[in-house]
């Protein structure tokens, strides 16, 4: 798995890996949930980017980012590198406020 890969956890939750590949030796990964857009309670424009995976839209719940053990992460479902600018901007909002 690499940064911005969409993966499923062993629990079945669909997430995107936020953590840089430069620290992939750590036993954990920082991830954010991918929530189907029709199930998302609300959206904050720059904080919650929308991505399309297999024709379905998902909200990246960056504000719910958390670490999970790397061993809990399944294979890559899709690479979201085309969304890297939007995902990084959402992280900037979360951490820096701008």
N, C-alpha and C. Protein backbone atom coordinates (compact mmCIF):
# COMPACT_ATOMS: atom_id res chain seq x y z
N UNK A 1 0.83 -1.17 0.00
CA UNK A 1 0.00 0.00 0.00
C UNK A 1 0.88 1.24 0.00
N UNK A 2 0.37 2.29 -0.62
CA UNK A 2 1.11 3.54 -0.72
C UNK A 2 0.20 4.71 -0.36
N UNK A 3 0.82 5.87 -0.19
CA UNK A 3 0.03 7.06 0.11
C UNK A 3 -1.03 7.27 -0.97
N UNK A 4 -2.23 7.58 -0.53
CA UNK A 4 -3.41 7.84 -1.37
C UNK A 4 -3.99 6.58 -2.01
N UNK A 5 -3.63 5.42 -1.51
CA UNK A 5 -4.29 4.19 -1.95
C UNK A 5 -5.60 4.03 -1.20
N UNK A 6 -6.65 3.65 -1.88
CA UNK A 6 -7.92 3.29 -1.25
C UNK A 6 -7.84 1.80 -0.95
N UNK A 7 -8.06 1.46 0.32
CA UNK A 7 -7.92 0.08 0.77
C UNK A 7 -9.08 -0.28 1.69
N UNK A 8 -9.28 -1.57 1.88
CA UNK A 8 -10.26 -2.02 2.87
C UNK A 8 -9.50 -2.58 4.06
N UNK A 9 -9.98 -2.22 5.24
CA UNK A 9 -9.42 -2.79 6.45
C UNK A 9 -10.03 -4.18 6.65
N UNK A 10 -9.40 -4.97 7.48
CA UNK A 10 -9.96 -6.30 7.78
C UNK A 10 -11.37 -6.21 8.35
N UNK A 11 -11.68 -5.09 8.98
CA UNK A 11 -13.02 -4.87 9.53
C UNK A 11 -14.05 -4.61 8.44
N UNK A 12 -13.58 -4.35 7.21
CA UNK A 12 -14.47 -4.06 6.10
C UNK A 12 -14.59 -2.59 5.79
N UNK A 13 -14.08 -1.73 6.68
CA UNK A 13 -14.15 -0.28 6.46
C UNK A 13 -13.27 0.11 5.27
N UNK A 14 -13.77 1.00 4.43
CA UNK A 14 -13.08 1.49 3.25
C UNK A 14 -12.37 2.79 3.64
N UNK A 15 -11.05 2.88 3.43
CA UNK A 15 -10.27 4.04 3.86
C UNK A 15 -9.26 4.43 2.78
N UNK A 16 -8.72 5.63 2.93
CA UNK A 16 -7.61 6.07 2.08
C UNK A 16 -6.40 6.26 2.98
N UNK A 17 -5.24 5.79 2.52
CA UNK A 17 -3.99 5.93 3.26
C UNK A 17 -3.48 7.37 3.07
N UNK A 18 -3.26 8.08 4.16
CA UNK A 18 -2.78 9.46 4.12
C UNK A 18 -1.28 9.55 4.36
N UNK A 19 -0.72 8.58 5.00
CA UNK A 19 0.67 8.60 5.46
C UNK A 19 1.65 8.53 4.30
N UNK A 20 2.71 9.32 4.41
CA UNK A 20 3.77 9.32 3.40
C UNK A 20 4.47 7.97 3.32
N UNK A 21 4.88 7.62 2.12
CA UNK A 21 5.64 6.38 1.92
C UNK A 21 7.02 6.45 2.60
N UNK A 22 7.48 7.65 2.91
CA UNK A 22 8.79 7.80 3.55
C UNK A 22 8.86 7.19 4.93
N UNK A 23 7.70 6.98 5.54
CA UNK A 23 7.66 6.38 6.87
C UNK A 23 6.86 5.07 6.86
N UNK A 24 6.95 4.36 5.76
CA UNK A 24 6.19 3.10 5.67
C UNK A 24 6.80 1.98 6.50
N UNK A 25 7.93 2.24 7.13
CA UNK A 25 8.54 1.25 8.03
C UNK A 25 7.83 1.21 9.39
N UNK A 26 7.00 2.22 9.66
CA UNK A 26 6.27 2.24 10.94
C UNK A 26 5.20 1.15 10.94
N UNK A 27 4.83 0.65 12.09
CA UNK A 27 3.85 -0.44 12.16
C UNK A 27 2.40 0.03 12.02
N UNK A 28 2.20 1.35 11.87
CA UNK A 28 0.85 1.89 11.74
C UNK A 28 0.75 2.74 10.48
N UNK A 29 -0.49 3.01 10.07
CA UNK A 29 -0.74 3.90 8.94
C UNK A 29 -1.82 4.90 9.34
N UNK A 30 -1.65 6.14 8.92
CA UNK A 30 -2.67 7.16 9.10
C UNK A 30 -3.65 7.03 7.94
N UNK A 31 -4.92 6.85 8.25
CA UNK A 31 -5.94 6.66 7.23
C UNK A 31 -7.15 7.55 7.53
N UNK A 32 -7.98 7.76 6.51
CA UNK A 32 -9.24 8.47 6.68
C UNK A 32 -10.34 7.65 6.02
N UNK A 33 -11.51 7.60 6.65
CA UNK A 33 -12.61 6.82 6.08
C UNK A 33 -13.10 7.38 4.75
N UNK A 34 -13.52 6.48 3.88
CA UNK A 34 -14.20 6.83 2.64
C UNK A 34 -15.67 6.53 2.85
N UNK A 35 -16.49 7.55 2.86
CA UNK A 35 -17.92 7.42 3.16
C UNK A 35 -18.72 7.61 1.88
N UNK A 36 -19.58 6.66 1.51
CA UNK A 36 -20.41 6.87 0.32
C UNK A 36 -21.15 8.21 0.45
N UNK A 37 -21.14 9.00 -0.60
CA UNK A 37 -21.68 10.36 -0.54
C UNK A 37 -23.13 10.38 -0.08
N UNK A 38 -23.90 9.35 -0.43
CA UNK A 38 -25.31 9.33 -0.03
C UNK A 38 -25.49 8.95 1.44
N UNK A 39 -24.41 8.54 2.11
CA UNK A 39 -24.47 8.21 3.53
C UNK A 39 -23.77 9.25 4.41
N UNK A 40 -23.15 10.25 3.77
CA UNK A 40 -22.41 11.27 4.51
C UNK A 40 -23.38 12.25 5.16
N UNK A 41 -23.23 12.48 6.47
CA UNK A 41 -24.16 13.38 7.15
C UNK A 41 -24.05 14.83 6.70
N UNK A 42 -22.84 15.28 6.41
CA UNK A 42 -22.63 16.65 5.93
C UNK A 42 -21.26 16.72 5.27
N UNK A 43 -21.01 17.81 4.56
CA UNK A 43 -19.75 17.98 3.86
C UNK A 43 -19.24 19.39 4.07
N UNK A 44 -17.96 19.51 4.40
CA UNK A 44 -17.29 20.80 4.47
C UNK A 44 -16.37 20.84 3.25
N UNK A 45 -16.59 21.80 2.36
CA UNK A 45 -15.96 21.80 1.04
C UNK A 45 -14.49 21.40 1.00
N UNK A 46 -13.61 22.17 1.58
CA UNK A 46 -12.19 21.86 1.45
C UNK A 46 -11.71 20.78 2.40
N UNK A 47 -12.50 20.48 3.43
CA UNK A 47 -12.10 19.48 4.42
C UNK A 47 -12.47 18.07 3.97
N UNK A 48 -13.49 17.94 3.16
CA UNK A 48 -13.99 16.62 2.76
C UNK A 48 -14.04 16.48 1.24
N UNK A 49 -12.89 16.17 0.62
CA UNK A 49 -12.89 16.00 -0.83
C UNK A 49 -13.80 14.84 -1.25
N UNK A 50 -14.34 14.96 -2.44
CA UNK A 50 -15.16 13.91 -3.03
C UNK A 50 -14.32 13.21 -4.10
N UNK A 51 -14.30 11.87 -4.04
CA UNK A 51 -13.57 11.08 -5.03
C UNK A 51 -14.54 10.08 -5.66
N UNK A 52 -14.21 9.65 -6.86
CA UNK A 52 -15.03 8.66 -7.55
C UNK A 52 -14.25 7.37 -7.67
N UNK A 53 -14.85 6.30 -7.19
CA UNK A 53 -14.24 4.97 -7.24
C UNK A 53 -15.25 4.02 -7.87
N UNK A 54 -14.87 3.43 -8.99
CA UNK A 54 -15.76 2.51 -9.70
C UNK A 54 -17.14 3.12 -9.95
N UNK A 55 -17.15 4.39 -10.34
CA UNK A 55 -18.39 5.07 -10.68
C UNK A 55 -19.22 5.54 -9.50
N UNK A 56 -18.74 5.32 -8.29
CA UNK A 56 -19.47 5.73 -7.08
C UNK A 56 -18.70 6.83 -6.37
N UNK A 57 -19.40 7.84 -5.89
CA UNK A 57 -18.75 8.95 -5.19
C UNK A 57 -18.63 8.67 -3.70
N UNK A 58 -17.46 9.04 -3.16
CA UNK A 58 -17.17 8.90 -1.74
C UNK A 58 -16.64 10.22 -1.20
N UNK A 59 -16.99 10.52 0.02
CA UNK A 59 -16.45 11.66 0.75
C UNK A 59 -15.27 11.14 1.57
N UNK A 60 -14.15 11.84 1.51
CA UNK A 60 -13.01 11.48 2.37
C UNK A 60 -13.20 12.23 3.69
N UNK A 61 -13.45 11.50 4.75
CA UNK A 61 -13.70 12.09 6.07
C UNK A 61 -12.36 12.36 6.76
N UNK A 62 -11.65 13.37 6.26
CA UNK A 62 -10.32 13.70 6.78
C UNK A 62 -10.37 14.02 8.27
N UNK A 63 -11.46 14.63 8.72
CA UNK A 63 -11.59 14.99 10.13
C UNK A 63 -11.69 13.76 11.04
N UNK A 64 -11.89 12.58 10.46
CA UNK A 64 -11.95 11.34 11.23
C UNK A 64 -10.68 10.50 11.06
N UNK A 65 -9.60 11.13 10.58
CA UNK A 65 -8.35 10.40 10.37
C UNK A 65 -7.87 9.77 11.67
N UNK A 66 -7.29 8.59 11.52
CA UNK A 66 -6.78 7.84 12.68
C UNK A 66 -5.70 6.88 12.21
N UNK A 67 -4.92 6.38 13.16
CA UNK A 67 -3.94 5.37 12.81
C UNK A 67 -4.53 3.98 13.02
N UNK A 68 -4.09 3.08 12.17
CA UNK A 68 -4.48 1.68 12.30
C UNK A 68 -3.21 0.84 12.12
N UNK A 69 -3.17 -0.34 12.72
CA UNK A 69 -2.02 -1.22 12.50
C UNK A 69 -1.92 -1.58 11.00
N UNK A 70 -0.74 -1.51 10.46
CA UNK A 70 -0.54 -1.81 9.04
C UNK A 70 -1.03 -3.21 8.70
N UNK A 71 -0.94 -4.14 9.63
CA UNK A 71 -1.35 -5.51 9.36
C UNK A 71 -2.87 -5.64 9.18
N UNK A 72 -3.62 -4.59 9.54
CA UNK A 72 -5.08 -4.61 9.38
C UNK A 72 -5.52 -4.13 7.99
N UNK A 73 -4.57 -3.68 7.18
CA UNK A 73 -4.88 -3.11 5.88
C UNK A 73 -4.80 -4.18 4.79
N UNK A 74 -5.87 -4.25 4.01
CA UNK A 74 -5.94 -5.21 2.90
C UNK A 74 -5.30 -4.65 1.65
N UNK A 75 -5.47 -5.35 0.53
CA UNK A 75 -4.86 -4.92 -0.72
C UNK A 75 -5.47 -3.62 -1.25
N UNK A 76 -4.73 -2.96 -2.11
CA UNK A 76 -5.19 -1.71 -2.72
C UNK A 76 -6.38 -1.98 -3.62
N UNK A 77 -7.45 -1.21 -3.41
CA UNK A 77 -8.64 -1.30 -4.25
C UNK A 77 -8.52 -0.35 -5.44
N UNK A 78 -7.93 0.84 -5.17
CA UNK A 78 -7.74 1.84 -6.21
C UNK A 78 -6.72 2.86 -5.74
N UNK A 79 -5.96 3.40 -6.67
CA UNK A 79 -5.01 4.47 -6.36
C UNK A 79 -5.71 5.80 -6.57
N UNK A 80 -5.59 6.69 -5.59
CA UNK A 80 -6.25 8.00 -5.66
C UNK A 80 -5.23 9.12 -5.83
N UNK A 81 -4.11 8.83 -6.47
CA UNK A 81 -3.07 9.85 -6.62
C UNK A 81 -3.52 11.05 -7.45
N UNK A 82 -4.52 10.87 -8.31
CA UNK A 82 -5.05 12.00 -9.09
C UNK A 82 -5.73 13.02 -8.19
N UNK A 83 -6.07 12.62 -6.98
CA UNK A 83 -6.73 13.51 -6.02
C UNK A 83 -5.75 14.05 -4.98
N UNK A 84 -4.46 13.86 -5.18
CA UNK A 84 -3.49 14.20 -4.14
C UNK A 84 -3.55 15.67 -3.72
N UNK A 85 -3.74 16.59 -4.66
CA UNK A 85 -3.79 18.01 -4.31
C UNK A 85 -4.97 18.30 -3.37
N UNK A 86 -6.14 17.74 -3.69
CA UNK A 86 -7.33 17.97 -2.86
C UNK A 86 -7.17 17.33 -1.48
N UNK A 87 -6.58 16.14 -1.43
CA UNK A 87 -6.40 15.46 -0.14
C UNK A 87 -5.40 16.22 0.73
N UNK A 88 -4.30 16.67 0.13
CA UNK A 88 -3.32 17.44 0.89
C UNK A 88 -3.91 18.77 1.37
N UNK A 89 -4.73 19.40 0.55
CA UNK A 89 -5.39 20.65 0.95
C UNK A 89 -6.32 20.40 2.14
N UNK A 90 -7.01 19.27 2.14
CA UNK A 90 -7.89 18.94 3.27
C UNK A 90 -7.08 18.73 4.54
N UNK A 91 -5.93 18.08 4.42
CA UNK A 91 -5.06 17.90 5.58
C UNK A 91 -4.55 19.25 6.09
N UNK A 92 -4.23 20.16 5.18
CA UNK A 92 -3.80 21.50 5.59
C UNK A 92 -4.90 22.22 6.37
N UNK A 93 -6.14 22.11 5.91
CA UNK A 93 -7.27 22.73 6.63
C UNK A 93 -7.37 22.14 8.03
N UNK A 94 -7.29 20.82 8.12
CA UNK A 94 -7.43 20.14 9.39
C UNK A 94 -6.32 20.53 10.37
N UNK A 95 -5.10 20.59 9.89
CA UNK A 95 -3.96 20.80 10.77
C UNK A 95 -3.60 22.27 10.95
N UNK A 96 -3.60 23.02 9.84
CA UNK A 96 -3.16 24.42 9.89
C UNK A 96 -4.30 25.43 9.91
N UNK A 97 -5.46 25.01 9.47
CA UNK A 97 -6.60 25.93 9.45
C UNK A 97 -6.69 26.78 8.20
N UNK A 98 -5.84 26.50 7.22
CA UNK A 98 -5.93 27.24 5.95
C UNK A 98 -5.45 26.37 4.81
